[in-house]
Amino acid sequence: KRVVVGCLDPDPRVEGRGIAILKRAGIEVTTGVLEEE
């Protein structure tokens, strides 16, 4: 029901698309948690 993500993947095959899939399915998404690490 919820996904917490450290950092985004710069791979052009992903690059935000993974987050978009989760959000379209109604999953709550939080990004940038301990992002620098």
All heavy atoms as atom14 arrays in JSON, in Angstrom:
{
  "sequence": "KRVVVGCLDPDPRVEGRGIAILKRAGIEVTTGVLEEE",
  "atom14_mask": [
    [1, 1, 1, 1, 1, 1, 1, 1, 1, 0, 0, 0, 0, 0],
    [1, 1, 1, 1, 1, 1, 1, 1, 1, 1, 1, 0, 0, 0],
    [1, 1, 1, 1, 1, 1, 1, 0, 0, 0, 0, 0, 0, 0],
    [1, 1, 1, 1, 1, 1, 1, 0, 0, 0, 0, 0, 0, 0],
    [1, 1, 1, 1, 1, 1, 1, 0, 0, 0, 0, 0, 0, 0],
    [1, 1, 1, 1, 0, 0, 0, 0, 0, 0, 0, 0, 0, 0],
    [1, 1, 1, 1, 1, 1, 0, 0, 0, 0, 0, 0, 0, 0],
    [1, 1, 1, 1, 1, 1, 1, 1, 0, 0, 0, 0, 0, 0],
    [1, 1, 1, 1, 1, 1, 1, 1, 0, 0, 0, 0, 0, 0],
    [1, 1, 1, 1, 1, 1, 1, 0, 0, 0, 0, 0, 0, 0],
    [1, 1, 1, 1, 1, 1, 1, 1, 0, 0, 0, 0, 0, 0],
    [1, 1, 1, 1, 1, 1, 1, 0, 0, 0, 0, 0, 0, 0],
    [1, 1, 1, 1, 1, 1, 1, 1, 1, 1, 1, 0, 0, 0],
    [1, 1, 1, 1, 1, 1, 1, 0, 0, 0, 0, 0, 0, 0],
    [1, 1, 1, 1, 1, 1, 1, 1, 1, 0, 0, 0, 0, 0],
    [1, 1, 1, 1, 0, 0, 0, 0, 0, 0, 0, 0, 0, 0],
    [1, 1, 1, 1, 1, 1, 1, 1, 1, 1, 1, 0, 0, 0],
    [1, 1, 1, 1, 0, 0, 0, 0, 0, 0, 0, 0, 0, 0],
    [1, 1, 1, 1, 1, 1, 1, 1, 0, 0, 0, 0, 0, 0],
    [1, 1, 1, 1, 1, 0, 0, 0, 0, 0, 0, 0, 0, 0],
    [1, 1, 1, 1, 1, 1, 1, 1, 0, 0, 0, 0, 0, 0],
    [1, 1, 1, 1, 1, 1, 1, 1, 0, 0, 0, 0, 0, 0],
    [1, 1, 1, 1, 1, 1, 1, 1, 1, 0, 0, 0, 0, 0],
    [1, 1, 1, 1, 1, 1, 1, 1, 1, 1, 1, 0, 0, 0],
    [1, 1, 1, 1, 1, 0, 0, 0, 0, 0, 0, 0, 0, 0],
    [1, 1, 1, 1, 0, 0, 0, 0, 0, 0, 0, 0, 0, 0],
    [1, 1, 1, 1, 1, 1, 1, 1, 0, 0, 0, 0, 0, 0],
    [1, 1, 1, 1, 1, 1, 1, 1, 1, 0, 0, 0, 0, 0],
    [1, 1, 1, 1, 1, 1, 1, 0, 0, 0, 0, 0, 0, 0],
    [1, 1, 1, 1, 1, 1, 1, 0, 0, 0, 0, 0, 0, 0],
    [1, 1, 1, 1, 1, 1, 1, 0, 0, 0, 0, 0, 0, 0],
    [1, 1, 1, 1, 0, 0, 0, 0, 0, 0, 0, 0, 0, 0],
    [1, 1, 1, 1, 1, 1, 1, 0, 0, 0, 0, 0, 0, 0],
    [1, 1, 1, 1, 1, 1, 1, 1, 0, 0, 0, 0, 0, 0],
    [1, 1, 1, 1, 1, 1, 1, 1, 1, 0, 0, 0, 0, 0],
    [1, 1, 1, 1, 1, 1, 1, 1, 1, 0, 0, 0, 0, 0],
    [1, 1, 1, 1, 1, 1, 1, 1, 1, 0, 0, 0, 0, 0]
  ],
  "atom14_positions": [
    [[0.81, -1.22, 0.0], [0.0, 0.0, 0.0], [0.85, 1.27, 0.0], [0.36, 2.35, -0.38], [-0.93, 0.02, 1.21], [-0.25, 0.28, 2.55], [-1.26, 0.51, 3.67], [-0.58, 0.86, 4.99], [-1.55, 1.11, 6.07], [0.0, 0.0, 0.0], [0.0, 0.0, 0.0], [0.0, 0.0, 0.0], [0.0, 0.0, 0.0], [0.0, 0.0, 0.0]],
    [[2.13, 1.16, 0.4], [3.0, 2.34, 0.44], [4.42, 1.91, 0.12], [4.87, 0.85, 0.57], [2.96, 3.0, 1.82], [3.83, 4.26, 1.95], [3.63, 4.92, 3.3], [4.49, 6.1, 3.43], [5.38, 6.3, 4.42], [5.53, 5.4, 5.38], [6.11, 7.41, 4.45], [0.0, 0.0, 0.0], [0.0, 0.0, 0.0], [0.0, 0.0, 0.0]],
    [[5.12, 2.76, -0.66], [6.52, 2.49, -1.0], [7.34, 3.72, -0.67], [7.0, 4.84, -1.08], [6.69, 2.12, -2.49], [8.17, 1.93, -2.82], [5.91, 0.86, -2.82], [0.0, 0.0, 0.0], [0.0, 0.0, 0.0], [0.0, 0.0, 0.0], [0.0, 0.0, 0.0], [0.0, 0.0, 0.0], [0.0, 0.0, 0.0], [0.0, 0.0, 0.0]],
    [[8.41, 3.52, 0.08], [9.34, 4.59, 0.44], [10.64, 4.33, -0.3], [11.22, 3.25, -0.18], [9.58, 4.63, 1.97], [10.53, 5.76, 2.33], [8.25, 4.79, 2.71], [0.0, 0.0, 0.0], [0.0, 0.0, 0.0], [0.0, 0.0, 0.0], [0.0, 0.0, 0.0], [0.0, 0.0, 0.0], [0.0, 0.0, 0.0], [0.0, 0.0, 0.0]],
    [[11.09, 5.32, -1.07], [12.23, 5.14, -1.97], [13.39, 6.05, -1.56], [13.18, 7.22, -1.25], [11.82, 5.45, -3.43], [13.02, 5.32, -4.37], [10.69, 4.53, -3.87], [0.0, 0.0, 0.0], [0.0, 0.0, 0.0], [0.0, 0.0, 0.0], [0.0, 0.0, 0.0], [0.0, 0.0, 0.0], [0.0, 0.0, 0.0], [0.0, 0.0, 0.0]],
    [[14.6, 5.49, -1.58], [15.78, 6.28, -1.25], [16.1, 7.29, -2.34], [16.11, 8.5, -2.12], [0.0, 0.0, 0.0], [0.0, 0.0, 0.0], [0.0, 0.0, 0.0], [0.0, 0.0, 0.0], [0.0, 0.0, 0.0], [0.0, 0.0, 0.0], [0.0, 0.0, 0.0], [0.0, 0.0, 0.0], [0.0, 0.0, 0.0], [0.0, 0.0, 0.0]],
    [[16.41, 6.8, -3.56], [16.73, 7.7, -4.66], [16.19, 7.14, -5.96], [15.91, 5.94, -6.07], [18.24, 7.96, -4.76], [19.21, 6.53, -5.28], [0.0, 0.0, 0.0], [0.0, 0.0, 0.0], [0.0, 0.0, 0.0], [0.0, 0.0, 0.0], [0.0, 0.0, 0.0], [0.0, 0.0, 0.0], [0.0, 0.0, 0.0], [0.0, 0.0, 0.0]],
    [[16.04, 8.01, -6.96], [15.54, 7.6, -8.26], [16.66, 6.96, -9.08], [17.84, 7.22, -8.87], [14.96, 8.8, -9.0], [13.8, 9.52, -8.32], [13.25, 10.61, -9.23], [12.69, 8.54, -7.93], [0.0, 0.0, 0.0], [0.0, 0.0, 0.0], [0.0, 0.0, 0.0], [0.0, 0.0, 0.0], [0.0, 0.0, 0.0], [0.0, 0.0, 0.0]],
    [[16.26, 6.13, -10.02], [17.18, 5.43, -10.91], [17.35, 6.25, -12.2], [16.36, 6.5, -12.9], [16.61, 4.04, -11.24], [17.54, 3.18, -12.07], [18.52, 3.71, -12.61], [17.27, 1.96, -12.16], [0.0, 0.0, 0.0], [0.0, 0.0, 0.0], [0.0, 0.0, 0.0], [0.0, 0.0, 0.0], [0.0, 0.0, 0.0], [0.0, 0.0, 0.0]],
    [[18.58, 6.67, -12.55], [18.78, 7.48, -13.76], [18.76, 6.69, -15.05], [18.84, 7.27, -16.14], [20.16, 8.11, -13.53], [20.89, 7.09, -12.71], [19.85, 6.49, -11.8], [0.0, 0.0, 0.0], [0.0, 0.0, 0.0], [0.0, 0.0, 0.0], [0.0, 0.0, 0.0], [0.0, 0.0, 0.0], [0.0, 0.0, 0.0], [0.0, 0.0, 0.0]],
    [[18.66, 5.36, -14.96], [18.61, 4.53, -16.17], [17.41, 4.97, -17.02], [16.28, 5.02, -16.51], [18.45, 3.05, -15.77], [18.61, 2.08, -16.93], [18.2, 2.44, -18.05], [19.14, 0.98, -16.71], [0.0, 0.0, 0.0], [0.0, 0.0, 0.0], [0.0, 0.0, 0.0], [0.0, 0.0, 0.0], [0.0, 0.0, 0.0], [0.0, 0.0, 0.0]],
    [[17.63, 5.29, -18.29], [16.52, 5.76, -19.14], [15.35, 4.79, -19.2], [14.22, 5.2, -19.49], [17.18, 5.91, -20.51], [18.64, 6.11, -20.23], [18.92, 5.3, -19.02], [0.0, 0.0, 0.0], [0.0, 0.0, 0.0], [0.0, 0.0, 0.0], [0.0, 0.0, 0.0], [0.0, 0.0, 0.0], [0.0, 0.0, 0.0], [0.0, 0.0, 0.0]],
    [[15.59, 3.52, -18.92], [14.51, 2.54, -18.93], [13.63, 2.66, -17.68], [12.54, 2.08, -17.62], [15.07, 1.13, -19.04], [15.85, 0.86, -20.31], [16.57, -0.48, -20.25], [17.54, -0.52, -19.15], [18.25, -1.6, -18.81], [18.08, -2.73, -19.49], [19.12, -1.55, -17.82], [0.0, 0.0, 0.0], [0.0, 0.0, 0.0], [0.0, 0.0, 0.0]],
    [[14.12, 3.39, -16.69], [13.38, 3.58, -15.43], [13.08, 5.07, -15.26], [12.03, 5.55, -15.64], [14.17, 3.01, -14.23], [13.33, 3.08, -12.97], [14.6, 1.57, -14.51], [0.0, 0.0, 0.0], [0.0, 0.0, 0.0], [0.0, 0.0, 0.0], [0.0, 0.0, 0.0], [0.0, 0.0, 0.0], [0.0, 0.0, 0.0], [0.0, 0.0, 0.0]],
    [[14.01, 5.8, -14.68], [13.98, 7.26, -14.6], [12.59, 7.83, -14.27], [12.01, 8.61, -15.01], [14.48, 7.86, -15.92], [15.08, 9.24, -15.79], [15.74, 9.69, -17.07], [15.48, 9.11, -18.15], [16.54, 10.62, -17.01], [0.0, 0.0, 0.0], [0.0, 0.0, 0.0], [0.0, 0.0, 0.0], [0.0, 0.0, 0.0], [0.0, 0.0, 0.0]],
    [[12.04, 7.38, -13.17], [10.74, 7.86, -12.72], [9.58, 6.99, -13.15], [8.45, 7.12, -12.62], [0.0, 0.0, 0.0], [0.0, 0.0, 0.0], [0.0, 0.0, 0.0], [0.0, 0.0, 0.0], [0.0, 0.0, 0.0], [0.0, 0.0, 0.0], [0.0, 0.0, 0.0], [0.0, 0.0, 0.0], [0.0, 0.0, 0.0], [0.0, 0.0, 0.0]],
    [[9.81, 6.08, -14.09], [8.72, 5.24, -14.57], [8.26, 4.24, -13.5], [7.09, 3.87, -13.44], [9.14, 4.5, -15.84], [9.3, 5.44, -17.04], [9.77, 4.67, -18.28], [9.87, 5.54, -19.45], [10.93, 6.29, -19.73], [11.98, 6.28, -18.92], [10.94, 7.05, -20.8], [0.0, 0.0, 0.0], [0.0, 0.0, 0.0], [0.0, 0.0, 0.0]],
    [[9.22, 3.78, -12.69], [8.84, 2.87, -11.6], [7.91, 3.57, -10.62], [6.91, 2.98, -10.16], [0.0, 0.0, 0.0], [0.0, 0.0, 0.0], [0.0, 0.0, 0.0], [0.0, 0.0, 0.0], [0.0, 0.0, 0.0], [0.0, 0.0, 0.0], [0.0, 0.0, 0.0], [0.0, 0.0, 0.0], [0.0, 0.0, 0.0], [0.0, 0.0, 0.0]],
    [[8.19, 4.82, -10.29], [7.34, 5.6, -9.39], [5.97, 5.79, -10.02], [4.93, 5.67, -9.36], [7.99, 6.97, -9.1], [9.38, 6.79, -8.46], [7.08, 7.8, -8.19], [9.39, 6.06, -7.15], [0.0, 0.0, 0.0], [0.0, 0.0, 0.0], [0.0, 0.0, 0.0], [0.0, 0.0, 0.0], [0.0, 0.0, 0.0], [0.0, 0.0, 0.0]],
    [[5.96, 6.07, -11.33], [4.69, 6.31, -12.02], [3.8, 5.08, -11.99], [2.57, 5.18, -11.8], [4.96, 6.74, -13.46], [0.0, 0.0, 0.0], [0.0, 0.0, 0.0], [0.0, 0.0, 0.0], [0.0, 0.0, 0.0], [0.0, 0.0, 0.0], [0.0, 0.0, 0.0], [0.0, 0.0, 0.0], [0.0, 0.0, 0.0], [0.0, 0.0, 0.0]],
    [[4.39, 3.89, -12.17], [3.61, 2.65, -12.13], [2.95, 2.49, -10.77], [1.76, 2.14, -10.66], [4.51, 1.44, -12.44], [4.91, 1.43, -13.92], [3.81, 0.13, -12.07], [5.96, 0.38, -14.27], [0.0, 0.0, 0.0], [0.0, 0.0, 0.0], [0.0, 0.0, 0.0], [0.0, 0.0, 0.0], [0.0, 0.0, 0.0], [0.0, 0.0, 0.0]],
    [[3.7, 2.76, -9.71], [3.16, 2.62, -8.36], [2.02, 3.6, -8.11], [0.97, 3.23, -7.57], [4.29, 2.84, -7.33], [5.47, 1.87, -7.38], [6.57, 2.31, -6.44], [5.01, 0.45, -7.03], [0.0, 0.0, 0.0], [0.0, 0.0, 0.0], [0.0, 0.0, 0.0], [0.0, 0.0, 0.0], [0.0, 0.0, 0.0], [0.0, 0.0, 0.0]],
    [[2.22, 4.84, -8.52], [1.19, 5.85, -8.27], [-0.08, 5.58, -9.06], [-1.19, 5.79, -8.56], [1.75, 7.24, -8.6], [2.78, 7.75, -7.59], [3.24, 9.17, -7.92], [4.16, 9.71, -6.84], [4.61, 11.09, -7.15], [0.0, 0.0, 0.0], [0.0, 0.0, 0.0], [0.0, 0.0, 0.0], [0.0, 0.0, 0.0], [0.0, 0.0, 0.0]],
    [[0.07, 5.1, -10.31], [-1.12, 4.79, -11.11], [-1.95, 3.68, -10.47], [-3.17, 3.59, -10.68], [-0.71, 4.38, -12.53], [-0.34, 5.55, -13.43], [-0.38, 5.15, -14.9], [0.53, 4.06, -15.21], [1.79, 4.22, -15.61], [2.29, 5.44, -15.74], [2.55, 3.18, -15.88], [0.0, 0.0, 0.0], [0.0, 0.0, 0.0], [0.0, 0.0, 0.0]],
    [[-1.26, 2.82, -9.71], [-1.97, 1.73, -9.03], [-2.57, 2.17, -7.7], [-3.15, 1.35, -6.98], [-1.02, 0.56, -8.82], [0.0, 0.0, 0.0], [0.0, 0.0, 0.0], [0.0, 0.0, 0.0], [0.0, 0.0, 0.0], [0.0, 0.0, 0.0], [0.0, 0.0, 0.0], [0.0, 0.0, 0.0], [0.0, 0.0, 0.0], [0.0, 0.0, 0.0]],
    [[-2.44, 3.45, -7.37], [-3.01, 3.96, -6.13], [-2.13, 3.77, -4.91], [-2.57, 3.97, -3.77], [0.0, 0.0, 0.0], [0.0, 0.0, 0.0], [0.0, 0.0, 0.0], [0.0, 0.0, 0.0], [0.0, 0.0, 0.0], [0.0, 0.0, 0.0], [0.0, 0.0, 0.0], [0.0, 0.0, 0.0], [0.0, 0.0, 0.0], [0.0, 0.0, 0.0]],
    [[-0.86, 3.4, -5.14], [0.06, 3.2, -4.02], [0.64, 4.56, -3.6], [1.05, 5.37, -4.44], [1.19, 2.23, -4.41], [0.61, 0.83, -4.66], [2.29, 2.18, -3.34], [1.63, -0.18, -5.16], [0.0, 0.0, 0.0], [0.0, 0.0, 0.0], [0.0, 0.0, 0.0], [0.0, 0.0, 0.0], [0.0, 0.0, 0.0], [0.0, 0.0, 0.0]],
    [[0.68, 4.78, -2.31], [1.3, 6.01, -1.77], [2.83, 5.88, -1.91], [3.4, 4.86, -1.5], [0.92, 6.2, -0.31], [1.54, 7.42, 0.33], [1.28, 7.49, 1.83], [0.43, 6.72, 2.34], [1.95, 8.31, 2.5], [0.0, 0.0, 0.0], [0.0, 0.0, 0.0], [0.0, 0.0, 0.0], [0.0, 0.0, 0.0], [0.0, 0.0, 0.0]],
    [[3.47, 6.89, -2.46], [4.91, 6.84, -2.69], [5.59, 8.04, -2.04], [5.17, 9.19, -2.23], [5.24, 6.83, -4.2], [6.76, 6.77, -4.41], [4.57, 5.64, -4.89], [0.0, 0.0, 0.0], [0.0, 0.0, 0.0], [0.0, 0.0, 0.0], [0.0, 0.0, 0.0], [0.0, 0.0, 0.0], [0.0, 0.0, 0.0], [0.0, 0.0, 0.0]],
    [[6.65, 7.76, -1.3], [7.5, 8.8, -0.71], [8.9, 8.62, -1.25], [9.46, 7.52, -1.18], [7.51, 8.71, 0.83], [6.18, 8.8, 1.33], [8.36, 9.83, 1.43], [0.0, 0.0, 0.0], [0.0, 0.0, 0.0], [0.0, 0.0, 0.0], [0.0, 0.0, 0.0], [0.0, 0.0, 0.0], [0.0, 0.0, 0.0], [0.0, 0.0, 0.0]],
    [[9.48, 9.67, -1.8], [10.83, 9.58, -2.39], [11.81, 10.49, -1.65], [11.41, 11.37, -0.89], [10.8, 9.97, -3.88], [10.34, 11.31, -4.0], [9.91, 9.05, -4.68], [0.0, 0.0, 0.0], [0.0, 0.0, 0.0], [0.0, 0.0, 0.0], [0.0, 0.0, 0.0], [0.0, 0.0, 0.0], [0.0, 0.0, 0.0], [0.0, 0.0, 0.0]],
    [[13.1, 10.26, -1.89], [14.14, 11.13, -1.34], [14.44, 10.9, 0.13], [14.98, 11.8, 0.79], [0.0, 0.0, 0.0], [0.0, 0.0, 0.0], [0.0, 0.0, 0.0], [0.0, 0.0, 0.0], [0.0, 0.0, 0.0], [0.0, 0.0, 0.0], [0.0, 0.0, 0.0], [0.0, 0.0, 0.0], [0.0, 0.0, 0.0], [0.0, 0.0, 0.0]],
    [[14.15, 9.72, 0.65], [14.44, 9.42, 2.06], [15.88, 8.91, 2.16], [16.24, 7.9, 1.53], [13.45, 8.39, 2.62], [13.83, 8.01, 4.06], [12.04, 8.94, 2.56], [0.0, 0.0, 0.0], [0.0, 0.0, 0.0], [0.0, 0.0, 0.0], [0.0, 0.0, 0.0], [0.0, 0.0, 0.0], [0.0, 0.0, 0.0], [0.0, 0.0, 0.0]],
    [[16.72, 9.61, 2.89], [18.17, 9.32, 2.95], [18.74, 9.29, 1.53], [19.54, 8.42, 1.18], [18.44, 8.01, 3.69], [18.0, 7.95, 5.15], [18.35, 6.6, 5.76], [18.62, 9.07, 5.97], [0.0, 0.0, 0.0], [0.0, 0.0, 0.0], [0.0, 0.0, 0.0], [0.0, 0.0, 0.0], [0.0, 0.0, 0.0], [0.0, 0.0, 0.0]],
    [[18.34, 10.26, 0.73], [18.66, 10.27, -0.69], [20.15, 10.32, -0.96], [20.66, 9.58, -1.83], [17.98, 11.47, -1.36], [18.18, 11.52, -2.87], [17.38, 12.63, -3.51], [17.03, 13.6, -2.8], [17.08, 12.53, -4.71], [0.0, 0.0, 0.0], [0.0, 0.0, 0.0], [0.0, 0.0, 0.0], [0.0, 0.0, 0.0], [0.0, 0.0, 0.0]],
    [[20.89, 11.18, -0.26], [22.32, 11.29, -0.51], [23.05, 9.99, -0.18], [23.94, 9.56, -0.92], [22.92, 12.46, 0.27], [22.59, 13.81, -0.31], [22.92, 13.91, -1.8], [24.07, 13.58, -2.17], [22.04, 14.28, -2.58], [0.0, 0.0, 0.0], [0.0, 0.0, 0.0], [0.0, 0.0, 0.0], [0.0, 0.0, 0.0], [0.0, 0.0, 0.0]],
    [[22.66, 9.37, 0.94], [23.27, 8.08, 1.29], [22.95, 7.03, 0.23], [23.82, 6.22, -0.13], [22.77, 7.62, 2.66], [23.27, 8.43, 3.84], [22.31, 9.54, 4.22], [21.64, 10.08, 3.3], [22.24, 9.87, 5.41], [0.0, 0.0, 0.0], [0.0, 0.0, 0.0], [0.0, 0.0, 0.0], [0.0, 0.0, 0.0], [0.0, 0.0, 0.0]]
  ]
}
